[in-house]
Amino acid sequence: MNYQKHESAIVDEGAQIGEGSRVWHFVHVCSGARIGKGVSLGQNVFVGNKVVIGDYCKVQNNVSVYDNVTLEEGVFCGPSMVFTNVYNPRSLIERKSEFRNTLVKKGATLGANCTIVCGVTIGEYAFIGAGAVINKDVPAYALMVGVPAKQIGWMSEYGEQLDLPLAGQGEVVCQHSGERYVLDGNKVTKN
């Protein structure tokens, strides 16, 4: 075993966990899960069978990562945030064949207590504010807040709000990293 596991954690046989990862108190990782290197799974995290968690992700306390969720490299999942995998659940109707895929791309932040409704893609380095409800795709670098979430700005890879309009043309340099971001229409890219 090339990762750290607290004695109260359960890692089912067959689960793949990368080097240097940490599995804290009361975590349950199901047998089909694939978890990268340098990942932190906080207290009381659940990871389903059909889940991929990329390298260097941080999944904070009380998060359940259900089947059909993929987290790319460096995703941050804040405390008690929520993923779903069935769009219209009912206890009396079996819908396991209707799971919808959720993709969270590299470097995105999902704030504490936010909810990610299944079937969406969250773009690279997007920033979802605490308590927001995401029910549609989110562009790369977008700053989203509210219920339902609305875009209120753009974020740098460093995690600071960029001084750019929501749409149109513009460019700005991140004061922390010196990297240049360009807005073209309603899309931000880093140059």
C-alpha atoms as a PDB file:
ATOM      1  CA  MET A   1       0.000   0.000   0.000  1.00  0.00           C
ATOM      2  CA  ASN A   2       1.616   3.252  -1.160  1.00  0.00           C
ATOM      3  CA  TYR A   3      -1.005   5.584   0.351  1.00  0.00           C
ATOM      4  CA  GLN A   4      -2.099   6.486   3.885  1.00  0.00           C
ATOM      5  CA  LYS A   5      -5.351   5.018   5.227  1.00  0.00           C
ATOM      6  CA  HIS A   6      -6.895   5.665   8.634  1.00  0.00           C
ATOM      7  CA  GLU A   7      -7.863   2.483  10.466  1.00  0.00           C
ATOM      8  CA  SER A   8     -11.572   3.459  10.408  1.00  0.00           C
ATOM      9  CA  ALA A   9     -11.614   3.836   6.601  1.00  0.00           C
ATOM     10  CA  ILE A  10     -12.946   1.074   4.339  1.00  0.00           C
ATOM     11  CA  VAL A  11     -11.279   0.537   0.970  1.00  0.00           C
ATOM     12  CA  ASP A  12     -12.972  -2.311  -0.887  1.00  0.00           C
ATOM     13  CA  GLU A  13     -10.799  -4.868  -2.660  1.00  0.00           C
ATOM     14  CA  GLY A  14     -10.145  -3.803  -6.248  1.00  0.00           C
ATOM     15  CA  ALA A  15     -10.200  -0.046  -5.633  1.00  0.00           C
ATOM     16  CA  GLN A  16      -7.214   1.730  -7.172  1.00  0.00           C
ATOM     17  CA  ILE A  17      -5.614   4.466  -5.080  1.00  0.00           C
ATOM     18  CA  GLY A  18      -2.498   6.295  -6.241  1.00  0.00           C
ATOM     19  CA  GLU A  19       0.772   6.901  -4.491  1.00  0.00           C
ATOM     20  CA  GLY A  20       0.833   9.470  -1.712  1.00  0.00           C
ATOM     21  CA  SER A  21      -2.944   9.723  -1.388  1.00  0.00           C
ATOM     22  CA  ARG A  22      -4.527  10.085   2.049  1.00  0.00           C
ATOM     23  CA  VAL A  23      -7.769   8.381   3.111  1.00  0.00           C
ATOM     24  CA  TRP A  24      -9.041   9.843   6.385  1.00  0.00           C
ATOM     25  CA  HIS A  25     -11.520   8.784   9.104  1.00  0.00           C
ATOM     26  CA  PHE A  26     -14.708   6.931   8.138  1.00  0.00           C
ATOM     27  CA  VAL A  27     -14.097   7.062   4.362  1.00  0.00           C
ATOM     28  CA  HIS A  28     -15.588   4.330   2.153  1.00  0.00           C
ATOM     29  CA  VAL A  29     -14.049   3.702  -1.277  1.00  0.00           C
ATOM     30  CA  CYS A  30     -15.929   1.149  -3.397  1.00  0.00           C
ATOM     31  CA  SER A  31     -14.138  -1.567  -5.358  1.00  0.00           C
ATOM     32  CA  GLY A  32     -14.458  -0.024  -8.828  1.00  0.00           C
ATOM     33  CA  ALA A  33     -13.172   3.447  -7.903  1.00  0.00           C
ATOM     34  CA  ARG A  34     -10.021   4.787  -9.557  1.00  0.00           C
ATOM     35  CA  ILE A  35      -8.224   7.440  -7.522  1.00  0.00           C
ATOM     36  CA  GLY A  36      -5.034   9.176  -8.630  1.00  0.00           C
ATOM     37  CA  LYS A  37      -1.862  10.093  -6.785  1.00  0.00           C
ATOM     38  CA  GLY A  38      -1.625  12.787  -4.121  1.00  0.00           C
ATOM     39  CA  VAL A  39      -5.403  12.806  -3.490  1.00  0.00           C
ATOM     40  CA  SER A  40      -6.892  13.719  -0.103  1.00  0.00           C
ATOM     41  CA  LEU A  41     -10.222  12.150   0.892  1.00  0.00           C
ATOM     42  CA  GLY A  42     -11.451  13.915   4.037  1.00  0.00           C
ATOM     43  CA  GLN A  43     -13.463  12.508   6.908  1.00  0.00           C
ATOM     44  CA  ASN A  44     -16.718  10.734   5.998  1.00  0.00           C
ATOM     45  CA  VAL A  45     -16.176  10.766   2.202  1.00  0.00           C
ATOM     46  CA  PHE A  46     -17.897   8.126   0.063  1.00  0.00           C
ATOM     47  CA  VAL A  47     -16.518   7.176  -3.384  1.00  0.00           C
ATOM     48  CA  GLY A  48     -18.713   5.026  -5.645  1.00  0.00           C
ATOM     49  CA  ASN A  49     -17.733   2.228  -8.033  1.00  0.00           C
ATOM     50  CA  LYS A  50     -17.950   4.147 -11.298  1.00  0.00           C
ATOM     51  CA  VAL A  51     -15.915   7.133 -10.146  1.00  0.00           C
ATOM     52  CA  VAL A  52     -12.629   8.532 -11.402  1.00  0.00           C
ATOM     53  CA  ILE A  53     -10.731  11.026  -9.239  1.00  0.00           C
ATOM     54  CA  GLY A  54      -7.650  12.541 -10.869  1.00  0.00           C
ATOM     55  CA  ASP A  55      -4.257  13.315  -9.366  1.00  0.00           C
ATOM     56  CA  TYR A  56      -3.980  15.945  -6.608  1.00  0.00           C
ATOM     57  CA  CYS A  57      -7.729  16.353  -6.007  1.00  0.00           C
ATOM     58  CA  LYS A  58      -8.930  17.392  -2.563  1.00  0.00           C
ATOM     59  CA  VAL A  59     -12.301  16.044  -1.451  1.00  0.00           C
ATOM     60  CA  GLN A  60     -13.182  17.681   1.855  1.00  0.00           C
ATOM     61  CA  ASN A  61     -15.270  16.223   4.708  1.00  0.00           C
ATOM     62  CA  ASN A  62     -18.777  14.839   4.157  1.00  0.00           C
ATOM     63  CA  VAL A  63     -18.736  14.590   0.356  1.00  0.00           C
ATOM     64  CA  SER A  64     -20.243  11.647  -1.541  1.00  0.00           C
ATOM     65  CA  VAL A  65     -18.825  11.149  -5.024  1.00  0.00           C
ATOM     66  CA  TYR A  66     -21.465   8.952  -6.658  1.00  0.00           C
ATOM     67  CA  ASP A  67     -21.254   6.715  -9.735  1.00  0.00           C
ATOM     68  CA  ASN A  68     -20.677   8.436 -13.090  1.00  0.00           C
ATOM     69  CA  VAL A  69     -18.759  11.374 -11.617  1.00  0.00           C
ATOM     70  CA  THR A  70     -15.294  12.139 -13.023  1.00  0.00           C
ATOM     71  CA  LEU A  71     -12.953  14.655 -11.410  1.00  0.00           C
ATOM     72  CA  GLU A  72      -9.937  15.612 -13.496  1.00  0.00           C
ATOM     73  CA  GLU A  73      -6.580  16.648 -12.003  1.00  0.00           C
ATOM     74  CA  GLY A  74      -6.523  19.187  -9.177  1.00  0.00           C
ATOM     75  CA  VAL A  75     -10.261  19.517  -8.498  1.00  0.00           C
ATOM     76  CA  PHE A  76     -11.231  20.908  -5.072  1.00  0.00           C
ATOM     77  CA  CYS A  77     -14.523  19.681  -3.553  1.00  0.00           C
ATOM     78  CA  GLY A  78     -15.450  21.824  -0.555  1.00  0.00           C
ATOM     79  CA  PRO A  79     -16.965  20.495   2.675  1.00  0.00           C
ATOM     80  CA  SER A  80     -20.423  18.941   2.359  1.00  0.00           C
ATOM     81  CA  MET A  81     -20.824  19.749  -1.337  1.00  0.00           C
ATOM     82  CA  VAL A  82     -23.214  17.442  -3.215  1.00  0.00           C
ATOM     83  CA  PHE A  83     -23.106  15.439  -6.438  1.00  0.00           C
ATOM     84  CA  THR A  84     -26.185  13.716  -7.862  1.00  0.00           C
ATOM     85  CA  ASN A  85     -26.381  11.022 -10.531  1.00  0.00           C
ATOM     86  CA  VAL A  86     -30.113  10.651 -11.195  1.00  0.00           C
ATOM     87  CA  TYR A  87     -31.991  13.672 -12.535  1.00  0.00           C
ATOM     88  CA  ASN A  88     -35.460  12.721 -11.289  1.00  0.00           C
ATOM     89  CA  PRO A  89     -35.065  10.242  -8.409  1.00  0.00           C
ATOM     90  CA  ARG A  90     -37.932   8.308  -6.853  1.00  0.00           C
ATOM     91  CA  SER A  91     -37.551   5.669  -4.166  1.00  0.00           C
ATOM     92  CA  LEU A  92     -40.220   3.468  -5.747  1.00  0.00           C
ATOM     93  CA  ILE A  93     -38.759   3.570  -9.285  1.00  0.00           C
ATOM     94  CA  GLU A  94     -35.432   1.942 -10.164  1.00  0.00           C
ATOM     95  CA  ARG A  95     -33.333   4.399 -12.208  1.00  0.00           C
ATOM     96  CA  LYS A  96     -29.780   3.007 -11.976  1.00  0.00           C
ATOM     97  CA  SER A  97     -29.789   2.627 -15.777  1.00  0.00           C
ATOM     98  CA  GLU A  98     -30.480   6.374 -16.071  1.00  0.00           C
ATOM     99  CA  PHE A  99     -27.374   7.695 -14.272  1.00  0.00           C
ATOM    100  CA  ARG A 100     -26.077  10.846 -15.979  1.00  0.00           C
ATOM    101  CA  ASN A 101     -22.369  11.583 -16.334  1.00  0.00           C
ATOM    102  CA  THR A 102     -20.867  14.559 -14.532  1.00  0.00           C
ATOM    103  CA  LEU A 103     -17.425  15.849 -15.552  1.00  0.00           C
ATOM    104  CA  VAL A 104     -15.440  18.344 -13.493  1.00  0.00           C
ATOM    105  CA  LYS A 105     -12.429  19.505 -15.472  1.00  0.00           C
ATOM    106  CA  LYS A 106      -8.902  20.263 -14.327  1.00  0.00           C
ATOM    107  CA  GLY A 107      -8.389  22.746 -11.507  1.00  0.00           C
ATOM    108  CA  ALA A 108     -12.058  23.554 -10.857  1.00  0.00           C
ATOM    109  CA  THR A 109     -13.216  24.541  -7.346  1.00  0.00           C
ATOM    110  CA  LEU A 110     -16.580  23.416  -5.990  1.00  0.00           C
ATOM    111  CA  GLY A 111     -17.349  25.500  -2.906  1.00  0.00           C
ATOM    112  CA  ALA A 112     -18.727  24.287   0.411  1.00  0.00           C
ATOM    113  CA  ASN A 113     -22.354  23.119   0.316  1.00  0.00           C
ATOM    114  CA  CYS A 114     -22.759  23.639  -3.431  1.00  0.00           C
ATOM    115  CA  THR A 115     -24.865  21.145  -5.419  1.00  0.00           C
ATOM    116  CA  ILE A 116     -23.895  19.793  -8.824  1.00  0.00           C
ATOM    117  CA  VAL A 117     -26.961  18.404 -10.610  1.00  0.00           C
ATOM    118  CA  CYS A 118     -25.977  15.390 -12.718  1.00  0.00           C
ATOM    119  CA  GLY A 119     -25.319  15.584 -16.445  1.00  0.00           C
ATOM    120  CA  VAL A 120     -23.219  18.758 -16.477  1.00  0.00           C
ATOM    121  CA  THR A 121     -19.638  19.591 -17.373  1.00  0.00           C
ATOM    122  CA  ILE A 122     -17.753  22.134 -15.288  1.00  0.00           C
ATOM    123  CA  GLY A 123     -14.932  23.765 -17.255  1.00  0.00           C
ATOM    124  CA  GLU A 124     -11.269  24.055 -16.364  1.00  0.00           C
ATOM    125  CA  TYR A 125     -10.516  26.289 -13.380  1.00  0.00           C
ATOM    126  CA  ALA A 126     -14.178  27.281 -12.977  1.00  0.00           C
ATOM    127  CA  PHE A 127     -15.067  28.449  -9.473  1.00  0.00           C
ATOM    128  CA  ILE A 128     -18.419  27.462  -7.961  1.00  0.00           C
ATOM    129  CA  GLY A 129     -19.283  29.585  -4.925  1.00  0.00           C
ATOM    130  CA  ALA A 130     -20.432  28.156  -1.598  1.00  0.00           C
ATOM    131  CA  GLY A 131     -24.057  27.036  -1.651  1.00  0.00           C
ATOM    132  CA  ALA A 132     -24.532  27.475  -5.411  1.00  0.00           C
ATOM    133  CA  VAL A 133     -26.701  25.055  -7.409  1.00  0.00           C
ATOM    134  CA  ILE A 134     -25.284  24.109 -10.812  1.00  0.00           C
ATOM    135  CA  ASN A 135     -27.866  22.764 -13.260  1.00  0.00           C
ATOM    136  CA  LYS A 136     -26.155  23.510 -16.596  1.00  0.00           C
ATOM    137  CA  ASP A 137     -22.670  23.395 -18.095  1.00  0.00           C
ATOM    138  CA  VAL A 138     -20.157  25.910 -16.757  1.00  0.00           C
ATOM    139  CA  PRO A 139     -17.492  27.527 -18.994  1.00  0.00           C
ATOM    140  CA  ALA A 140     -13.788  27.364 -18.189  1.00  0.00           C
ATOM    141  CA  TYR A 141     -12.676  30.054 -15.688  1.00  0.00           C
ATOM    142  CA  ALA A 142     -16.300  31.074 -14.899  1.00  0.00           C
ATOM    143  CA  LEU A 143     -17.259  32.310 -11.417  1.00  0.00           C
ATOM    144  CA  MET A 144     -20.719  30.984 -10.539  1.00  0.00           C
ATOM    145  CA  VAL A 145     -22.886  31.847  -7.503  1.00  0.00           C
ATOM    146  CA  GLY A 146     -26.513  31.580  -6.418  1.00  0.00           C
ATOM    147  CA  VAL A 147     -29.550  29.320  -6.748  1.00  0.00           C
ATOM    148  CA  PRO A 148     -29.787  28.507  -9.571  1.00  0.00           C
ATOM    149  CA  ALA A 149     -26.199  29.572 -10.226  1.00  0.00           C
ATOM    150  CA  LYS A 150     -25.475  32.546 -12.452  1.00  0.00           C
ATOM    151  CA  GLN A 151     -22.123  33.638 -13.774  1.00  0.00           C
ATOM    152  CA  ILE A 152     -20.875  36.831 -12.125  1.00  0.00           C
ATOM    153  CA  GLY A 153     -17.295  36.913 -13.371  1.00  0.00           C
ATOM    154  CA  TRP A 154     -14.119  35.086 -14.320  1.00  0.00           C
ATOM    155  CA  MET A 155     -11.384  33.510 -12.172  1.00  0.00           C
ATOM    156  CA  SER A 156      -7.669  32.995 -12.737  1.00  0.00           C
ATOM    157  CA  GLU A 157      -5.942  29.656 -12.288  1.00  0.00           C
ATOM    158  CA  TYR A 158      -4.453  31.200  -9.154  1.00  0.00           C
ATOM    159  CA  GLY A 159      -7.978  31.566  -7.715  1.00  0.00           C
ATOM    160  CA  GLU A 160      -8.446  35.329  -7.940  1.00  0.00           C
ATOM    161  CA  GLN A 161     -11.262  37.155  -9.707  1.00  0.00           C
ATOM    162  CA  LEU A 162     -10.209  38.649 -13.046  1.00  0.00           C
ATOM    163  CA  ASP A 163     -11.182  42.196 -13.989  1.00  0.00           C
ATOM    164  CA  LEU A 164     -13.009  41.218 -17.188  1.00  0.00           C
ATOM    165  CA  PRO A 165     -16.604  41.818 -18.343  1.00  0.00           C
ATOM    166  CA  LEU A 166     -18.907  38.793 -18.612  1.00  0.00           C
ATOM    167  CA  ALA A 167     -18.830  39.008 -22.412  1.00  0.00           C
ATOM    168  CA  GLY A 168     -17.142  41.003 -25.138  1.00  0.00           C
ATOM    169  CA  GLN A 169     -13.444  41.595 -25.597  1.00  0.00           C
ATOM    170  CA  GLY A 170     -10.701  42.131 -23.087  1.00  0.00           C
ATOM    171  CA  GLU A 171      -7.470  40.977 -21.599  1.00  0.00           C
ATOM    172  CA  VAL A 172      -5.917  41.119 -18.174  1.00  0.00           C
ATOM    173  CA  VAL A 173      -2.763  39.943 -16.417  1.00  0.00           C
ATOM    174  CA  CYS A 174      -3.102  38.063 -13.109  1.00  0.00           C
ATOM    175  CA  GLN A 175      -1.295  40.126 -10.482  1.00  0.00           C
ATOM    176  CA  HIS A 176      -0.120  36.983  -8.649  1.00  0.00           C
ATOM    177  CA  SER A 177       1.096  34.765 -11.475  1.00  0.00           C
ATOM    178  CA  GLY A 178       1.772  37.222 -14.310  1.00  0.00           C
ATOM    179  CA  GLU A 179      -0.285  35.056 -16.650  1.00  0.00           C
ATOM    180  CA  ARG A 180      -2.385  36.745 -19.330  1.00  0.00           C
ATOM    181  CA  TYR A 181      -6.094  35.960 -19.793  1.00  0.00           C
ATOM    182  CA  VAL A 182      -8.034  36.905 -22.915  1.00  0.00           C
ATOM    183  CA  LEU A 183     -11.821  37.280 -23.209  1.00  0.00           C
ATOM    184  CA  ASP A 184     -13.264  36.727 -26.669  1.00  0.00           C
ATOM    185  CA  GLY A 185     -17.058  36.783 -26.754  1.00  0.00           C
ATOM    186  CA  ASN A 186     -18.079  34.684 -23.789  1.00  0.00           C
ATOM    187  CA  LYS A 187     -14.932  32.544 -23.556  1.00  0.00           C
ATOM    188  CA  VAL A 188     -11.756  33.124 -21.547  1.00  0.00           C
ATOM    189  CA  THR A 189      -8.434  31.537 -22.466  1.00  0.00           C
ATOM    190  CA  LYS A 190      -5.018  31.794 -20.885  1.00  0.00           C
ATOM    191  CA  ASN A 191      -2.199  32.922 -23.212  1.00  0.00           C
END
